[in-house]
C-alpha atoms as a PDB file:
ATOM      1  CA  UNK A   1     -63.620  10.230 -35.933  1.00  0.00           C
ATOM      2  CA  UNK A   2     -66.471   7.921 -34.898  1.00  0.00           C
ATOM      3  CA  UNK A   3     -65.622   5.538 -32.090  1.00  0.00           C
ATOM      4  CA  UNK A   4     -67.665   2.329 -32.111  1.00  0.00           C
ATOM      5  CA  UNK A   5     -68.272   0.651 -28.756  1.00  0.00           C
ATOM      6  CA  UNK A   6     -67.393  -2.987 -29.260  1.00  0.00           C
ATOM      7  CA  UNK A   7     -66.872  -6.223 -27.409  1.00  0.00           C
ATOM      8  CA  UNK A   8     -64.495  -8.626 -29.106  1.00  0.00           C
ATOM      9  CA  UNK A   9     -64.780 -12.292 -28.302  1.00  0.00           C
ATOM     10  CA  UNK A  10     -61.891 -14.509 -29.275  1.00  0.00           C
ATOM     11  CA  UNK A  11     -62.333 -18.120 -30.372  1.00  0.00           C
ATOM     12  CA  UNK A  12     -60.530 -19.196 -27.183  1.00  0.00           C
ATOM     13  CA  UNK A  13     -63.212 -17.447 -25.064  1.00  0.00           C
ATOM     14  CA  UNK A  14     -61.248 -14.311 -24.144  1.00  0.00           C
ATOM     15  CA  UNK A  15     -63.361 -11.148 -24.159  1.00  0.00           C
ATOM     16  CA  UNK A  16     -62.178  -7.529 -24.421  1.00  0.00           C
ATOM     17  CA  UNK A  17     -64.287  -4.363 -24.343  1.00  0.00           C
ATOM     18  CA  UNK A  18     -63.265  -1.108 -25.957  1.00  0.00           C
ATOM     19  CA  UNK A  19     -63.657   1.259 -28.866  1.00  0.00           C
ATOM     20  CA  UNK A  20     -62.495   1.227 -32.457  1.00  0.00           C
ATOM     21  CA  UNK A  21     -62.563   3.646 -35.340  1.00  0.00           C
ATOM     22  CA  UNK A  22     -60.756   1.587 -37.966  1.00  0.00           C
ATOM     23  CA  UNK A  23     -62.620  -1.721 -38.251  1.00  0.00           C
ATOM     24  CA  UNK A  24     -63.403  -2.648 -41.863  1.00  0.00           C
ATOM     25  CA  UNK A  25     -64.945  -6.031 -42.765  1.00  0.00           C
ATOM     26  CA  UNK A  26     -62.322  -6.897 -45.397  1.00  0.00           C
ATOM     27  CA  UNK A  27     -59.237  -5.937 -43.365  1.00  0.00           C
ATOM     28  CA  UNK A  28     -57.339  -8.626 -41.416  1.00  0.00           C
ATOM     29  CA  UNK A  29     -56.646  -6.340 -38.414  1.00  0.00           C
ATOM     30  CA  UNK A  30     -58.021  -3.304 -36.600  1.00  0.00           C
ATOM     31  CA  UNK A  31     -57.141  -1.339 -33.467  1.00  0.00           C
ATOM     32  CA  UNK A  32     -58.930  -1.399 -30.133  1.00  0.00           C
ATOM     33  CA  UNK A  33     -58.703   1.217 -27.394  1.00  0.00           C
ATOM     34  CA  UNK A  34     -59.280  -1.035 -24.404  1.00  0.00           C
ATOM     35  CA  UNK A  35     -61.919   0.065 -21.897  1.00  0.00           C
ATOM     36  CA  UNK A  36     -60.305   1.099 -18.622  1.00  0.00           C
ATOM     37  CA  UNK A  37     -56.787   1.466 -20.037  1.00  0.00           C
ATOM     38  CA  UNK A  38     -54.653   4.328 -18.796  1.00  0.00           C
ATOM     39  CA  UNK A  39     -55.179   7.568 -20.751  1.00  0.00           C
ATOM     40  CA  UNK A  40     -52.630   7.782 -23.544  1.00  0.00           C
ATOM     41  CA  UNK A  41     -52.134   4.014 -23.672  1.00  0.00           C
ATOM     42  CA  UNK A  42     -51.507   2.674 -27.162  1.00  0.00           C
ATOM     43  CA  UNK A  43     -54.359   0.869 -28.867  1.00  0.00           C
ATOM     44  CA  UNK A  44     -54.202  -2.902 -29.177  1.00  0.00           C
ATOM     45  CA  UNK A  45     -53.998  -4.512 -32.625  1.00  0.00           C
ATOM     46  CA  UNK A  46     -56.663  -7.179 -33.081  1.00  0.00           C
ATOM     47  CA  UNK A  47     -56.342  -9.973 -35.644  1.00  0.00           C
ATOM     48  CA  UNK A  48     -59.788 -10.750 -37.010  1.00  0.00           C
ATOM     49  CA  UNK A  49     -58.889 -14.383 -37.783  1.00  0.00           C
ATOM     50  CA  UNK A  50     -58.457 -15.049 -34.032  1.00  0.00           C
ATOM     51  CA  UNK A  51     -61.955 -13.819 -33.185  1.00  0.00           C
ATOM     52  CA  UNK A  52     -65.330 -15.473 -32.841  1.00  0.00           C
ATOM     53  CA  UNK A  53     -67.295 -12.250 -33.304  1.00  0.00           C
ATOM     54  CA  UNK A  54     -67.239  -8.490 -32.843  1.00  0.00           C
ATOM     55  CA  UNK A  55     -70.278  -7.145 -31.015  1.00  0.00           C
ATOM     56  CA  UNK A  56     -71.177  -3.501 -31.611  1.00  0.00           C
ATOM     57  CA  UNK A  57     -72.918  -2.698 -28.340  1.00  0.00           C
ATOM     58  CA  UNK A  58     -75.265  -0.039 -26.982  1.00  0.00           C
ATOM     59  CA  UNK A  59     -73.394   0.058 -23.687  1.00  0.00           C
ATOM     60  CA  UNK A  60     -70.588  -1.847 -22.001  1.00  0.00           C
ATOM     61  CA  UNK A  61     -72.590  -2.958 -18.956  1.00  0.00           C
ATOM     62  CA  UNK A  62     -74.984  -5.307 -20.673  1.00  0.00           C
ATOM     63  CA  UNK A  63     -76.928  -7.861 -18.646  1.00  0.00           C
ATOM     64  CA  UNK A  64     -75.369 -11.300 -18.254  1.00  0.00           C
ATOM     65  CA  UNK A  65     -78.675 -12.668 -16.938  1.00  0.00           C
ATOM     66  CA  UNK A  66     -80.698 -11.588 -19.993  1.00  0.00           C
ATOM     67  CA  UNK A  67     -81.646 -14.429 -22.344  1.00  0.00           C
ATOM     68  CA  UNK A  68     -81.933 -13.120 -25.892  1.00  0.00           C
ATOM     69  CA  UNK A  69     -85.015 -14.159 -27.827  1.00  0.00           C
ATOM     70  CA  UNK A  70     -84.201 -16.398 -30.777  1.00  0.00           C
ATOM     71  CA  UNK A  71     -87.257 -15.360 -32.814  1.00  0.00           C
ATOM     72  CA  UNK A  72     -88.441 -12.266 -34.631  1.00  0.00           C
ATOM     73  CA  UNK A  73     -91.746 -11.767 -32.794  1.00  0.00           C
ATOM     74  CA  UNK A  74     -90.887  -8.243 -31.575  1.00  0.00           C
ATOM     75  CA  UNK A  75     -88.365  -7.171 -34.210  1.00  0.00           C
ATOM     76  CA  UNK A  76     -88.295  -7.089 -37.990  1.00  0.00           C
ATOM     77  CA  UNK A  77     -84.737  -6.189 -39.051  1.00  0.00           C
ATOM     78  CA  UNK A  78     -84.087  -5.830 -42.762  1.00  0.00           C
ATOM     79  CA  UNK A  79     -82.378  -8.689 -44.542  1.00  0.00           C
ATOM     80  CA  UNK A  80     -82.504 -12.456 -44.632  1.00  0.00           C
ATOM     81  CA  UNK A  81     -83.189 -14.296 -41.404  1.00  0.00           C
ATOM     82  CA  UNK A  82     -80.173 -16.347 -40.413  1.00  0.00           C
ATOM     83  CA  UNK A  83     -79.137 -18.757 -37.682  1.00  0.00           C
ATOM     84  CA  UNK A  84     -75.475 -19.097 -36.820  1.00  0.00           C
ATOM     85  CA  UNK A  85     -74.153 -21.963 -34.727  1.00  0.00           C
ATOM     86  CA  UNK A  86     -70.626 -21.307 -33.512  1.00  0.00           C
ATOM     87  CA  UNK A  87     -68.024 -24.029 -33.003  1.00  0.00           C
ATOM     88  CA  UNK A  88     -68.406 -23.565 -29.230  1.00  0.00           C
ATOM     89  CA  UNK A  89     -72.144 -24.407 -29.485  1.00  0.00           C
ATOM     90  CA  UNK A  90     -73.556 -20.895 -29.048  1.00  0.00           C
ATOM     91  CA  UNK A  91     -76.456 -20.024 -31.343  1.00  0.00           C
ATOM     92  CA  UNK A  92     -77.031 -16.525 -32.728  1.00  0.00           C
ATOM     93  CA  UNK A  93     -80.208 -15.578 -34.609  1.00  0.00           C
ATOM     94  CA  UNK A  94     -80.715 -12.420 -36.609  1.00  0.00           C
ATOM     95  CA  UNK A  95     -80.888 -10.893 -40.056  1.00  0.00           C
ATOM     96  CA  UNK A  96     -78.116 -10.272 -42.554  1.00  0.00           C
ATOM     97  CA  UNK A  97     -77.831  -8.346 -45.775  1.00  0.00           C
ATOM     98  CA  UNK A  98     -74.323  -9.392 -46.667  1.00  0.00           C
ATOM     99  CA  UNK A  99     -73.601 -13.060 -46.047  1.00  0.00           C
ATOM    100  CA  UNK A 100     -71.025 -14.401 -48.471  1.00  0.00           C
ATOM    101  CA  UNK A 101     -69.305 -17.701 -47.590  1.00  0.00           C
ATOM    102  CA  UNK A 102     -66.123 -16.538 -49.315  1.00  0.00           C
ATOM    103  CA  UNK A 103     -65.565 -13.526 -47.019  1.00  0.00           C
ATOM    104  CA  UNK A 104     -63.938 -13.563 -43.590  1.00  0.00           C
ATOM    105  CA  UNK A 105     -67.189 -12.547 -41.938  1.00  0.00           C
ATOM    106  CA  UNK A 106     -70.584 -10.877 -42.162  1.00  0.00           C
ATOM    107  CA  UNK A 107     -72.827  -8.525 -40.188  1.00  0.00           C
ATOM    108  CA  UNK A 108     -75.943  -9.737 -38.375  1.00  0.00           C
ATOM    109  CA  UNK A 109     -78.594  -7.610 -36.677  1.00  0.00           C
ATOM    110  CA  UNK A 110     -79.985  -9.556 -33.697  1.00  0.00           C
ATOM    111  CA  UNK A 111     -83.541 -10.913 -33.815  1.00  0.00           C
ATOM    112  CA  UNK A 112     -84.162  -9.577 -30.295  1.00  0.00           C
ATOM    113  CA  UNK A 113     -84.834  -5.813 -30.320  1.00  0.00           C
ATOM    114  CA  UNK A 114     -83.914  -5.683 -26.597  1.00  0.00           C
ATOM    115  CA  UNK A 115     -80.438  -7.080 -27.230  1.00  0.00           C
ATOM    116  CA  UNK A 116     -77.507  -4.970 -26.087  1.00  0.00           C
ATOM    117  CA  UNK A 117     -75.967  -5.703 -29.492  1.00  0.00           C
ATOM    118  CA  UNK A 118     -76.808  -3.224 -32.219  1.00  0.00           C
ATOM    119  CA  UNK A 119     -75.143  -5.513 -34.746  1.00  0.00           C
ATOM    120  CA  UNK A 120     -72.488  -8.184 -34.749  1.00  0.00           C
ATOM    121  CA  UNK A 121     -69.731  -9.114 -37.159  1.00  0.00           C
ATOM    122  CA  UNK A 122     -69.565 -12.893 -37.232  1.00  0.00           C
ATOM    123  CA  UNK A 123     -66.213 -14.451 -38.153  1.00  0.00           C
ATOM    124  CA  UNK A 124     -66.937 -17.249 -40.629  1.00  0.00           C
ATOM    125  CA  UNK A 125     -64.059 -19.480 -39.451  1.00  0.00           C
ATOM    126  CA  UNK A 126     -65.586 -19.545 -35.936  1.00  0.00           C
ATOM    127  CA  UNK A 127     -68.875 -21.006 -37.150  1.00  0.00           C
ATOM    128  CA  UNK A 128     -69.984 -24.606 -37.319  1.00  0.00           C
ATOM    129  CA  UNK A 129     -73.214 -24.119 -39.265  1.00  0.00           C
ATOM    130  CA  UNK A 130     -74.944 -21.191 -40.971  1.00  0.00           C
ATOM    131  CA  UNK A 131     -78.503 -21.517 -42.227  1.00  0.00           C
ATOM    132  CA  UNK A 132     -81.214 -19.225 -43.491  1.00  0.00           C
ATOM    133  CA  UNK A 133     -84.468 -19.574 -41.572  1.00  0.00           C
END
């Protein structure tokens, strides 16, 4: 079973790193094996409605100092260019192939090819404004 490396960010700011094999965009919950948990520990159930976004990452280290580019100068991901402004003020720019305002969320591939995020699942209820650019 494929284990996706993810970072979940809750709307309250909490962040948890781990792996999942059962996330599906239409399901209200999924399970997370928390990074650093004792071997054999049970997975944690995550309620999608409580999240801001799910980041599918290349590695867990990342680089807190790195400022992601907000343009497409070095990357041309497939899909419509989109800008997401979250309720907490953060802006995320990328491309999407599946935005539907009636779904709980949608995938976005970041505009910056050097991003540690391979793709992100944005939770619609955590956004303030979504616009195509």
